[in-house]
Protein backbone atom coordinates (compact mmCIF):
# COMPACT_ATOMS: atom_id res chain seq x y z
CA MET A 1 -1.26 -29.04 8.75
CA LYS A 2 -3.97 -27.77 5.96
CA ILE A 3 -3.08 -25.02 3.83
CA ALA A 4 -5.59 -23.55 0.94
CA LEU A 5 -3.88 -21.84 -2.26
CA PHE A 6 -4.98 -18.87 -3.46
CA GLY A 7 -4.05 -17.82 -7.26
CA SER A 8 -2.02 -18.05 -9.46
CA SER A 9 -2.70 -16.86 -13.07
CA LYS A 10 0.29 -19.07 -13.98
CA PRO A 11 -0.61 -22.86 -13.70
CA GLU A 12 2.47 -23.70 -13.95
CA ALA A 13 3.75 -22.64 -10.22
CA ARG A 14 0.16 -23.65 -8.40
CA GLN A 15 1.35 -26.87 -10.31
CA GLN A 16 4.80 -26.07 -8.82
CA ILE A 17 3.71 -25.42 -4.85
CA ARG A 18 0.83 -28.17 -4.69
CA GLU A 19 3.64 -30.72 -5.54
CA ILE A 20 5.55 -29.38 -2.76
CA LEU A 21 3.20 -29.10 -0.45
CA SER A 22 1.67 -33.08 -1.08
CA SER A 23 5.31 -33.53 -0.69
CA LEU A 24 5.37 -32.75 3.05
CA PRO A 25 3.76 -35.00 5.63
CA ASP A 26 0.08 -34.46 7.48
CA THR A 27 -0.10 -32.14 5.11
CA VAL A 28 -3.37 -31.21 3.60
CA VAL A 29 -3.25 -29.33 -0.12
CA MET A 30 -6.76 -27.39 -0.30
CA ASP A 31 -8.45 -24.74 -3.09
CA GLY A 32 -9.16 -21.94 -1.61
CA GLU A 33 -11.39 -20.17 -4.27
CA SER A 34 -13.86 -22.67 -3.27
CA SER A 35 -13.98 -23.14 0.67
CA PHE A 36 -10.78 -22.34 3.27
CA ALA A 37 -12.98 -23.59 6.26
CA GLY A 38 -10.35 -25.28 8.83
CA ALA A 39 -7.13 -23.90 7.11
CA ASP A 40 -4.21 -23.36 8.97
CA MET A 41 -2.64 -21.61 6.77
CA ALA A 42 -3.30 -19.22 3.38
CA LEU A 43 -0.76 -19.57 0.62
CA SER A 44 -0.90 -16.72 -2.42
CA ILE A 45 0.42 -18.01 -5.21
CA GLY A 46 1.15 -15.07 -7.74
CA GLY A 47 2.04 -11.10 -7.05
CA ASP A 48 1.06 -8.37 -4.92
CA GLY A 49 -2.43 -8.13 -6.30
CA THR A 50 -2.80 -11.81 -5.78
CA PHE A 51 -2.08 -11.03 -2.44
CA LEU A 52 -3.98 -8.75 -2.06
CA ARG A 53 -6.93 -10.85 -3.31
CA THR A 54 -6.21 -13.35 -0.81
CA ALA A 55 -6.95 -10.82 2.03
CA ALA A 56 -9.81 -9.37 0.83
CA GLN A 57 -11.74 -13.30 0.70
CA VAL A 58 -9.99 -14.95 4.25
CA GLY A 59 -11.10 -11.48 5.82
CA GLU A 60 -12.14 -12.28 9.56
CA SER A 61 -11.47 -15.34 9.44
CA GLY A 62 -7.73 -15.38 11.01
CA VAL A 63 -5.91 -17.65 8.70
CA PRO A 64 -2.20 -16.64 8.25
CA ILE A 65 -1.34 -15.54 4.68
CA LEU A 66 2.25 -16.66 3.41
CA GLY A 67 2.95 -15.28 -0.08
CA ILE A 68 4.54 -16.46 -2.95
CA ASN A 69 5.58 -14.31 -5.23
CA ALA A 70 5.03 -15.76 -9.32
CA GLY A 71 5.09 -12.38 -10.16
CA ARG A 72 6.62 -9.62 -10.55
CA LEU A 73 8.41 -6.88 -7.58
CA GLY A 74 5.83 -9.02 -4.97
CA PHE A 75 6.72 -6.89 -2.02
CA LEU A 76 3.96 -8.49 0.22
CA ALA A 77 4.89 -12.29 -0.20
CA ASP A 78 7.91 -13.25 1.50
CA VAL A 79 8.79 -16.12 -0.42
CA ALA A 80 10.28 -16.54 -4.22
CA LEU A 81 8.77 -19.68 -6.04
CA HIS A 82 12.23 -20.67 -6.73
CA GLU A 83 12.83 -20.51 -3.04
CA ALA A 84 9.67 -22.85 -2.37
CA ALA A 85 10.94 -26.04 -2.04
CA ASN A 86 13.32 -25.38 0.03
CA LEU A 87 11.98 -22.83 2.48
CA LEU A 88 8.30 -23.99 2.73
CA PRO A 89 9.50 -27.69 4.75
CA ALA A 90 11.19 -26.53 7.57
CA MET A 91 8.53 -23.10 7.94
CA LEU A 92 5.55 -25.62 7.24
CA THR A 93 6.66 -28.61 9.10
CA GLU A 94 8.35 -27.18 11.40
CA GLY A 95 7.10 -23.66 12.12
CA ARG A 96 9.72 -22.17 11.62
CA TYR A 97 8.07 -18.27 10.50
CA ASN A 98 6.48 -15.71 12.67
CA VAL A 99 3.02 -13.93 11.99
CA GLU A 100 2.85 -10.17 11.65
CA TYR A 101 -0.74 -9.35 12.93
CA ARG A 102 -1.50 -6.21 10.31
CA ALA A 103 -3.85 -3.27 10.30
CA VAL A 104 -7.23 -3.10 8.62
CA LEU A 105 -9.14 -0.13 7.18
CA GLN A 106 -13.19 -0.59 7.24
CA LEU A 107 -14.32 1.39 4.53
CA SER A 108 -18.00 2.31 5.49
CA ILE A 109 -21.05 4.92 2.59
CA PRO A 110 -24.00 4.74 4.09
CA GLY A 111 -26.84 5.10 1.41
CA CYS A 112 -25.01 2.88 -0.95
CA SER A 113 -26.56 0.43 -2.55
CA GLN A 114 -23.94 -1.04 -5.29
CA PRO A 115 -21.54 -3.77 -3.69
CA TYR A 116 -18.38 -2.89 -2.21
CA GLN A 117 -15.38 -4.90 -0.87
CA PRO A 118 -15.50 -2.92 2.88
CA PHE A 119 -11.78 -3.70 3.93
CA ALA A 120 -8.18 -2.67 2.46
CA LEU A 121 -4.56 -4.09 3.60
CA ASN A 122 -3.11 -1.56 1.29
CA GLU A 123 -5.53 1.99 0.73
CA VAL A 124 -8.33 3.50 0.56
CA ALA A 125 -8.04 6.07 -2.30
CA ILE A 126 -10.35 9.12 -3.44
CA LEU A 127 -9.76 9.74 -6.90
CA LYS A 128 -11.26 11.48 -9.56
CA ARG A 129 -13.14 10.31 -12.49
CA ASP A 130 -12.33 13.43 -14.66
CA VAL A 131 -9.05 13.24 -16.71
CA SER A 132 -8.88 16.79 -16.76
CA SER A 133 -10.19 18.68 -13.56
CA MET A 134 -9.41 18.29 -10.23
CA VAL A 135 -11.52 17.53 -7.16
CA SER A 136 -12.33 18.77 -3.75
CA VAL A 137 -11.88 15.67 -0.92
CA SER A 138 -12.17 17.33 2.67
CA VAL A 139 -11.52 15.27 5.20
CA PHE A 140 -12.78 15.45 8.67
CA ILE A 141 -10.95 13.30 11.40
CA ASP A 142 -13.01 12.73 14.54
CA GLY A 143 -15.22 15.48 13.59
CA ALA A 144 -12.49 18.22 13.21
CA LEU A 145 -11.81 19.53 10.25
CA LEU A 146 -8.08 18.37 8.89
CA ASN A 147 -8.12 20.72 5.01
CA THR A 148 -10.09 19.82 2.16
CA TYR A 149 -7.39 18.59 -0.61
CA ASP A 150 -7.51 20.07 -4.50
CA ALA A 151 -5.98 17.53 -6.46
CA ASP A 152 -6.26 14.40 -8.55
CA GLY A 153 -7.06 12.92 -5.34
CA LEU A 154 -6.33 11.41 -1.98
CA ALA A 155 -4.56 8.13 -0.76
CA ILE A 156 -5.62 7.42 2.94
CA ALA A 157 -2.76 3.65 3.53
CA THR A 158 -2.46 1.33 6.04
CA PRO A 159 1.56 0.78 7.20
CA THR A 160 1.42 -2.46 4.55
CA GLY A 161 -0.33 0.27 1.86
CA SER A 162 2.88 2.77 2.52
CA THR A 163 4.79 0.79 0.28
CA ALA A 164 2.33 0.93 -1.83
CA TYR A 165 0.41 3.05 -3.49
CA ALA A 166 1.14 6.53 -1.46
CA MET A 167 4.44 5.69 -1.45
CA SER A 168 4.13 6.21 -5.19
CA ALA A 169 2.20 9.53 -4.59
CA GLY A 170 4.84 10.97 -2.02
CA GLY A 171 4.04 9.45 0.97
CA PRO A 172 5.70 8.08 3.58
CA ILE A 173 7.21 4.70 4.67
CA LEU A 174 5.57 2.91 7.83
CA GLU A 175 7.05 0.55 9.40
CA PRO A 176 4.33 -2.43 9.52
CA ARG A 177 3.31 -2.77 12.50
CA SER A 178 3.32 0.52 13.31
CA ASN A 179 0.22 2.17 14.79
CA CYS A 180 -0.47 4.38 12.13
CA PHE A 181 -2.83 5.77 8.51
CA ALA A 182 -0.73 7.97 6.37
CA ILE A 183 -3.02 10.39 4.65
CA VAL A 184 -1.67 11.10 1.19
CA PRO A 185 -3.20 13.99 -1.62
CA ILE A 186 -2.38 12.56 -5.13
CA ALA A 187 -0.85 15.44 -7.10
CA PRO A 188 -1.73 18.36 -5.06
CA HIS A 189 -2.38 21.87 -6.46
CA SER A 190 -0.50 23.32 -3.68
CA LEU A 191 3.07 24.17 -2.42
CA THR A 192 2.19 23.75 0.99
CA THR A 193 0.14 20.23 1.46
CA ARG A 194 2.32 17.13 2.87
CA PRO A 195 1.63 13.85 3.65
CA LEU A 196 -0.24 13.31 7.37
CA VAL A 197 0.25 10.54 9.82
CA ILE A 198 -2.28 9.98 12.27
CA ARG A 199 -3.07 7.70 14.85
CA ASP A 200 -5.51 4.49 13.49
CA GLY A 201 -7.61 4.60 16.41
CA GLY A 202 -9.81 7.96 15.24
CA VAL A 203 -12.65 7.98 12.43
CA ILE A 204 -11.52 9.76 9.11
CA ASP A 205 -14.86 11.58 7.63
CA VAL A 206 -14.49 12.13 3.82
CA THR A 207 -17.16 14.80 1.77
CA VAL A 208 -15.98 15.30 -1.88
CA LYS A 209 -16.85 17.39 -4.51
CA SER A 210 -15.98 17.71 -7.87
CA ARG A 211 -17.08 19.54 -11.44
CA ASN A 212 -18.80 16.45 -12.48
CA ASN A 213 -20.38 15.76 -9.33
CA LEU A 214 -18.76 12.30 -10.26
CA PHE A 215 -15.90 10.74 -8.15
CA LEU A 216 -14.28 6.99 -7.53
CA VAL A 217 -12.79 5.63 -4.12
CA ALA A 218 -10.89 2.82 -4.87
CA ILE A 219 -10.66 -0.19 -2.23
CA ASP A 220 -7.09 -2.29 -2.69
CA GLY A 221 -7.50 -1.04 -6.76
CA LEU A 222 -11.00 -2.31 -6.48
CA PRO A 223 -13.30 1.05 -7.91
CA VAL A 224 -16.33 2.11 -6.70
CA HIS A 225 -18.70 4.85 -9.04
CA LEU A 226 -19.55 6.98 -7.08
CA THR A 227 -21.74 10.68 -6.83
CA THR A 228 -20.89 13.85 -4.89
CA GLU A 229 -23.43 13.54 -2.61
CA TYR A 230 -22.16 10.26 -0.75
CA ARG A 231 -20.05 10.91 2.35
CA LEU A 232 -17.35 8.12 3.24
CA GLN A 233 -16.23 6.93 6.84
CA ILE A 234 -13.01 5.06 7.22
CA THR A 235 -11.73 3.10 10.48
CA ARG A 236 -9.35 0.84 11.72
CA ALA A 237 -11.41 -2.69 11.12
CA ASN A 238 -11.33 -5.12 14.42
CA HIS A 239 -9.58 -7.93 13.19
CA ASN A 240 -6.22 -7.75 11.72
CA ILE A 241 -4.76 -9.60 8.83
CA GLY A 242 -2.19 -12.10 9.58
CA VAL A 243 1.29 -12.79 7.32
CA VAL A 244 3.31 -14.77 7.43
CA ARG A 245 7.59 -14.29 7.39
CA ARG A 246 10.52 -16.17 7.41
CA PRO A 247 12.26 -15.59 10.44
CA ASP A 248 15.43 -14.57 9.00
CA HIS A 249 13.94 -12.26 6.97
CA THR A 250 12.84 -8.80 8.26
CA PHE A 251 10.67 -5.89 6.56
CA PHE A 252 14.00 -3.65 6.19
CA ASP A 253 15.65 -6.64 4.31
CA THR A 254 12.71 -6.10 1.34
CA LEU A 255 13.06 -2.36 1.76
CA ARG A 256 16.73 -2.49 0.52
CA GLN A 257 16.12 -5.82 -1.61
CA LYS A 258 12.40 -5.44 -3.03
CA LEU A 259 12.68 -1.16 -3.63
CA MET A 260 16.59 -0.84 -3.72
CA TRP A 261 16.24 1.86 -0.43
CA GLY A 262 19.44 3.93 0.30
CA ALA A 263 21.02 2.19 -2.53
CA ASP A 264 23.75 3.85 -3.69
CA VAL A 265 23.62 4.19 -7.09
CA ARG A 266 26.44 6.18 -8.05
CA GLU A 267 29.10 4.95 -10.24
């Protein structure tokens, strides 16, 4: 098996994983940042930000990603660094893992000449660029007006991203294999504006108005500064990202353990 390594900002963590992999029979370790052509799996060593950057580089290649959490929360990373020595041999040499295929958002900005990452595993966020004033974000689904949100911004999230920025803004948690997206207003100036779950097969068009005619779009946290003349179009991408999961560990386990979901903290 050929394994491509991505990350980490902690050289000791990367070296630890490299030593574990090198001890496995029939395993070839590659430097994913330079090339992952021919790789059977990508290992993302770091936190969720590293995992998202790995997903952006893997793109449409179809190479599944296993996250090794050398960061803090590591919601996308299924194996903690201290567990790697015990878990990786069985996962990689005996095939004890599952691959979940996660939906990806595709962003198009017609007429935009500046480079941007068009794919997002978590979310596309439309945000204000002024510390005091709101933006007005109009959203159309398959050409029909959904709503105009007066808010600090709007997050359009995949099921994978529903536990990230969108959740922090009060959005719903979606099971990762759900065929839907969440539209979540960020600090809306309305008591009646609520998050909405929509099917993932439609075309989402977005226009923005602001006092300074500027706004920001963040694709999995990567910013693009735009003027309000630009229209955004968001669809489900034609490819998915394969996320490697331990067979004994479910999404609901992760919710309980890492987000304390449903925990009773009363004495």
